[in-house]
Amino acid sequence: VNDWLSIGAGLNVMYGYLNNEVAINNAGTQPDGQLKYKDEEWGYGGNFGILVEPKPGTRFGLTYLTEVKLDFSDVPEFSGLGPVLATVLRNRGLTTNNLDMSMTVPQMVMFSVYHELNPKWAIMGNVGWQDWSRFGKVDVGINTSNPQSLTVDSDYKDTWHVALGVQYRHSPVWTFSCGIAYDSSAVDDDKRTVTLPMGEAWRFALGAQYSLNPNLTLGAAYEFLWSGDMSVDQERGPLAGRVSGEYSNTNMSIFALNLSWKF
């Protein structure tokens, strides 16, 4: 817009692939049957941002990412069912009709700050919010002559993200950065499931950028995500039974490479 204000917008295209396999309790002493459900879908959303630079070296940004809805629909596959359970599912139209599942990838708002302390050092931070409570509500329906639908609520909570970082410009071509971030948990401990075992998370990151020329920059980063111990005690109903246990020292390592081209 001008020297101190920038506004941007973009289109997000998301590919969703759902592949779920679940054991099903048969009546009596028969071994478990199995349910397989698989489908793929495209979803669309948008992102909007504003960047304000009141003085050189100091920037404030606000970004909004819209939700994306994914509508899956396919006939579930059952195998190994006992005669009683097979009859019940067939009479309800579950073995021959499409099962519809609609889920929403959460919207997000992020506020960020960047400030140069001197020509070599800069500090940065951001605070964000994600609408995980909406992601926890999944719409399920059966396409029969008498359509049935319901909303499964996993009792997810909205989450908050806080991050702080430092950037060091070693030379005109080399820049190094490090940071720490915290994400609140989307579920209470007693609501955690094996489907998506989430908890609060700490993130520790290191990065480096190398300017190949004034318009081309190569970057690399490493992030370590740690969620600690997470307990699960989930009652999944008569067909699936109860699951109880603990994920110990949950962590994840993420490596990234990027190439930035200015034109």
Protein backbone atom coordinates (compact mmCIF):
# COMPACT_ATOMS: atom_id res chain seq x y z
CA VAL A 1 0.00 0.00 0.00
CA ASN A 2 2.82 2.39 0.99
CA ASP A 3 6.26 2.41 2.63
CA TRP A 4 4.95 1.35 6.05
CA LEU A 5 1.79 -0.67 5.30
CA SER A 6 1.42 -3.95 3.37
CA ILE A 7 -1.74 -6.01 2.86
CA GLY A 8 -1.91 -9.48 1.34
CA ALA A 9 -4.36 -12.29 0.60
CA GLY A 10 -4.10 -15.79 -0.82
CA LEU A 11 -5.96 -18.98 -1.67
CA ASN A 12 -5.33 -22.19 0.27
CA VAL A 13 -5.90 -25.54 -1.46
CA MET A 14 -5.80 -28.58 0.84
CA TYR A 15 -5.73 -32.26 -0.07
CA GLY A 16 -7.22 -34.55 2.58
CA TYR A 17 -6.69 -38.31 2.73
CA LEU A 18 -8.55 -40.36 5.33
CA ASN A 19 -7.62 -44.00 5.96
CA ASN A 20 -9.08 -45.52 9.11
CA GLU A 21 -9.02 -49.15 10.27
CA VAL A 22 -10.85 -50.20 13.44
CA ALA A 23 -11.28 -53.56 15.18
CA ILE A 24 -14.92 -54.44 15.98
CA ASN A 25 -16.02 -56.70 18.82
CA ASN A 26 -18.08 -59.67 17.68
CA ALA A 27 -20.61 -61.34 19.94
CA GLY A 28 -19.44 -64.18 22.20
CA THR A 29 -15.95 -65.63 21.78
CA GLN A 30 -15.54 -64.89 18.07
CA PRO A 31 -12.39 -62.97 17.04
CA ASP A 32 -12.68 -59.28 16.23
CA GLY A 33 -14.00 -58.13 12.89
CA GLN A 34 -12.62 -55.12 11.08
CA LEU A 35 -13.90 -51.85 9.64
CA LYS A 36 -11.97 -50.02 6.90
CA TYR A 37 -12.94 -46.56 5.72
CA LYS A 38 -10.93 -44.67 3.11
CA ASP A 39 -11.54 -41.58 0.99
CA GLU A 40 -9.80 -38.46 -0.35
CA GLU A 41 -11.10 -34.94 -0.75
CA TRP A 42 -10.08 -31.40 -1.65
CA GLY A 43 -10.84 -28.38 0.51
CA TYR A 44 -10.41 -24.65 -0.04
CA GLY A 45 -9.83 -21.64 2.16
CA GLY A 46 -8.06 -18.32 2.27
CA ASN A 47 -5.45 -16.36 4.17
CA PHE A 48 -5.23 -12.65 4.84
CA GLY A 49 -2.45 -10.58 6.33
CA ILE A 50 -1.45 -7.07 7.24
CA LEU A 51 2.08 -5.83 8.01
CA VAL A 52 2.85 -2.47 9.62
CA GLU A 53 6.40 -1.03 9.83
CA PRO A 54 6.18 2.20 11.88
CA LYS A 55 9.96 2.67 11.63
CA PRO A 56 12.79 0.82 9.87
CA GLY A 57 13.62 -2.43 11.68
CA THR A 58 10.34 -2.67 13.63
CA ARG A 59 7.38 -4.59 12.20
CA PHE A 60 3.97 -5.74 13.45
CA GLY A 61 1.95 -8.35 11.59
CA LEU A 62 -1.50 -9.88 11.83
CA THR A 63 -2.45 -13.01 9.87
CA TYR A 64 -5.79 -14.80 9.55
CA LEU A 65 -6.15 -18.29 8.09
CA THR A 66 -9.71 -19.41 7.32
CA GLU A 67 -11.08 -22.83 8.19
CA VAL A 68 -11.11 -25.53 5.52
CA LYS A 69 -13.91 -28.09 5.37
CA LEU A 70 -13.25 -31.62 4.11
CA ASP A 71 -16.29 -33.73 3.16
CA PHE A 72 -15.44 -37.44 2.95
CA SER A 73 -17.95 -39.95 1.54
CA ASP A 74 -17.49 -43.65 0.79
CA VAL A 75 -18.93 -47.09 1.55
CA PRO A 76 -17.20 -48.61 4.60
CA GLU A 77 -15.67 -52.08 4.21
CA PHE A 78 -16.43 -54.70 6.87
CA SER A 79 -14.69 -58.05 7.24
CA GLY A 80 -14.71 -60.92 9.74
CA LEU A 81 -18.14 -60.06 11.12
CA GLY A 82 -20.17 -62.62 13.03
CA PRO A 83 -23.69 -63.41 11.75
CA VAL A 84 -25.46 -61.40 14.46
CA LEU A 85 -23.41 -58.24 14.01
CA ALA A 86 -23.45 -58.56 10.20
CA THR A 87 -27.26 -58.71 10.23
CA VAL A 88 -27.57 -55.67 12.50
CA LEU A 89 -25.25 -53.55 10.35
CA ARG A 90 -26.87 -54.69 7.12
CA ASN A 91 -30.38 -53.86 8.41
CA ARG A 92 -29.19 -50.36 9.28
CA GLY A 93 -27.76 -49.84 5.81
CA LEU A 94 -24.17 -49.52 7.00
CA THR A 95 -22.70 -52.19 4.71
CA THR A 96 -24.05 -50.94 1.36
CA ASN A 97 -24.50 -47.16 1.66
CA ASN A 98 -22.11 -44.24 1.78
CA LEU A 99 -20.87 -43.06 5.14
CA ASP A 100 -20.39 -39.27 5.11
CA MET A 101 -17.85 -37.62 7.41
CA SER A 102 -17.30 -33.86 7.46
CA MET A 103 -14.45 -32.33 9.42
CA THR A 104 -13.12 -28.81 9.66
CA VAL A 105 -9.45 -27.85 9.71
CA PRO A 106 -9.38 -25.01 12.26
CA GLN A 107 -9.14 -21.32 11.51
CA MET A 108 -6.18 -19.45 12.99
CA VAL A 109 -5.19 -15.91 13.98
CA MET A 110 -1.53 -14.94 14.55
CA PHE A 111 -0.05 -11.65 15.79
CA SER A 112 3.71 -11.19 15.35
CA VAL A 113 6.41 -8.66 16.24
CA TYR A 114 9.93 -8.15 14.84
CA HIS A 115 12.45 -5.63 16.15
CA GLU A 116 16.10 -5.03 15.21
CA LEU A 117 18.26 -4.21 18.24
CA ASN A 118 21.24 -3.32 16.05
CA PRO A 119 22.53 -4.25 12.57
CA LYS A 120 23.41 -7.79 13.74
CA TRP A 121 20.79 -8.77 16.33
CA ALA A 122 16.99 -8.90 16.18
CA ILE A 123 14.26 -10.31 18.43
CA MET A 124 10.85 -11.58 17.40
CA GLY A 125 7.75 -13.11 18.90
CA ASN A 126 4.20 -14.14 18.13
CA VAL A 127 0.93 -15.03 19.82
CA GLY A 128 -1.65 -17.19 18.07
CA TRP A 129 -5.08 -18.77 18.49
CA GLN A 130 -6.55 -21.83 16.76
CA ASP A 131 -10.19 -22.92 16.68
CA TRP A 132 -9.61 -26.57 17.66
CA SER A 133 -13.02 -26.79 19.35
CA ARG A 134 -14.57 -26.72 15.86
CA PHE A 135 -12.19 -29.42 14.60
CA GLY A 136 -13.42 -31.68 17.42
CA LYS A 137 -16.97 -31.65 16.04
CA VAL A 138 -17.28 -34.21 13.21
CA ASP A 139 -20.54 -34.51 11.26
CA VAL A 140 -21.43 -38.13 10.40
CA GLY A 141 -24.29 -39.27 8.16
CA ILE A 142 -25.59 -42.40 6.39
CA ASN A 143 -27.04 -42.09 2.86
CA THR A 144 -30.01 -44.45 3.07
CA SER A 145 -33.68 -44.15 2.14
CA ASN A 146 -34.09 -42.82 5.68
CA PRO A 147 -30.97 -40.65 6.08
CA GLN A 148 -29.52 -40.40 9.57
CA SER A 149 -26.93 -37.95 10.85
CA LEU A 150 -25.26 -36.87 14.05
CA THR A 151 -22.39 -34.72 15.27
CA VAL A 152 -19.61 -36.45 17.20
CA ASP A 153 -18.07 -34.01 19.69
CA SER A 154 -14.59 -34.91 20.96
CA ASP A 155 -14.64 -32.01 23.45
CA TYR A 156 -11.60 -30.30 21.95
CA LYS A 157 -10.59 -26.86 23.22
CA ASP A 158 -9.26 -23.84 21.38
CA THR A 159 -5.49 -23.55 21.68
CA TRP A 160 -3.02 -20.73 22.24
CA HIS A 161 0.49 -20.44 20.85
CA VAL A 162 3.31 -18.25 22.20
CA ALA A 163 6.81 -18.02 20.71
CA LEU A 164 10.01 -16.02 21.20
CA GLY A 165 13.05 -15.98 18.95
CA VAL A 166 16.42 -14.37 18.28
CA GLN A 167 18.07 -13.70 14.93
CA TYR A 168 21.78 -13.06 14.37
CA ARG A 169 23.17 -11.68 11.10
CA HIS A 170 26.68 -13.11 11.02
CA SER A 171 27.62 -11.59 7.65
CA PRO A 172 25.92 -10.13 4.58
CA VAL A 173 25.15 -13.69 3.38
CA TRP A 174 24.70 -15.72 6.61
CA THR A 175 21.83 -15.34 9.12
CA PHE A 176 21.22 -17.65 12.09
CA SER A 177 18.14 -17.95 14.31
CA CYS A 178 16.83 -19.87 17.31
CA GLY A 179 13.58 -19.87 19.23
CA ILE A 180 11.26 -21.48 21.74
CA ALA A 181 7.47 -21.86 21.57
CA TYR A 182 4.61 -23.24 23.65
CA ASP A 183 1.29 -24.66 22.42
CA SER A 184 -1.54 -25.32 24.87
CA SER A 185 -3.34 -28.66 24.71
CA ALA A 186 -6.47 -29.06 22.60
CA VAL A 187 -7.85 -31.71 24.99
CA ASP A 188 -8.07 -32.32 28.72
CA ASP A 189 -6.23 -35.42 29.95
CA ASP A 190 -9.48 -37.33 30.52
CA LYS A 191 -10.70 -36.55 26.97
CA ARG A 192 -7.57 -37.70 25.10
CA THR A 193 -8.10 -40.45 22.49
CA VAL A 194 -5.87 -42.85 20.57
CA THR A 195 -7.28 -41.43 17.32
CA LEU A 196 -5.42 -38.14 17.80
CA PRO A 197 -3.40 -38.21 21.05
CA MET A 198 -2.67 -34.52 21.55
CA GLY A 199 -1.27 -32.63 24.52
CA GLU A 200 0.53 -29.40 25.30
CA ALA A 201 3.79 -29.02 23.41
CA TRP A 202 7.11 -27.24 23.73
CA ARG A 203 9.05 -26.46 20.56
CA PHE A 204 12.77 -25.68 20.26
CA ALA A 205 14.14 -24.60 16.89
CA LEU A 206 17.38 -23.67 15.12
CA GLY A 207 17.72 -22.24 11.63
CA ALA A 208 20.16 -20.79 9.12
CA GLN A 209 19.81 -18.82 5.89
CA TYR A 210 22.35 -18.26 3.14
CA SER A 211 21.90 -15.57 0.47
CA LEU A 212 22.97 -16.98 -2.87
CA ASN A 213 22.36 -13.56 -4.42
CA PRO A 214 20.21 -10.50 -3.58
CA ASN A 215 17.07 -12.28 -4.84
CA LEU A 216 17.68 -15.92 -3.90
CA THR A 217 18.01 -17.30 -0.34
CA LEU A 218 18.50 -20.90 0.79
CA GLY A 219 17.36 -21.88 4.29
CA ALA A 220 17.48 -24.90 6.60
CA ALA A 221 15.85 -25.49 9.99
CA TYR A 222 15.51 -28.11 12.72
CA GLU A 223 12.69 -28.24 15.27
CA PHE A 224 12.32 -30.50 18.30
CA LEU A 225 8.77 -30.87 19.63
CA TRP A 226 8.25 -32.34 23.10
CA SER A 227 4.91 -33.25 24.71
CA GLY A 228 6.12 -35.41 27.61
CA ASP A 229 3.98 -38.25 28.97
CA MET A 230 0.34 -38.45 27.85
CA SER A 231 -2.18 -40.84 29.41
CA VAL A 232 -5.16 -42.33 27.55
CA ASP A 233 -8.26 -43.93 29.08
CA GLN A 234 -10.89 -44.15 26.37
CA GLU A 235 -14.20 -46.02 26.40
CA ARG A 236 -15.11 -46.59 22.73
CA GLY A 237 -18.45 -48.37 23.15
CA PRO A 238 -19.50 -52.04 22.91
CA LEU A 239 -18.15 -52.56 19.38
CA ALA A 240 -14.63 -51.30 20.04
CA GLY A 241 -14.06 -51.70 23.79
CA ARG A 242 -11.87 -49.73 26.16
CA VAL A 243 -8.30 -48.54 25.59
CA SER A 244 -6.08 -47.51 28.50
CA GLY A 245 -2.36 -46.71 28.55
CA GLU A 246 0.28 -44.01 28.29
CA TYR A 247 2.43 -42.40 25.62
CA SER A 248 5.86 -41.98 27.23
CA ASN A 249 8.24 -39.10 26.44
CA THR A 250 6.34 -38.06 23.31
CA ASN A 251 8.54 -36.09 20.95
CA MET A 252 9.07 -35.29 17.28
CA SER A 253 11.98 -34.02 15.20
CA ILE A 254 11.25 -31.88 12.15
CA PHE A 255 13.76 -30.96 9.44
CA ALA A 256 12.99 -28.35 6.78
CA LEU A 257 14.65 -26.87 3.70
CA ASN A 258 13.36 -23.82 1.86
CA LEU A 259 14.26 -21.64 -1.09
CA SER A 260 13.08 -18.03 -1.25
CA TRP A 261 13.05 -16.14 -4.55
CA LYS A 262 12.25 -12.43 -4.71
CA PHE A 263 11.00 -11.06 -8.01
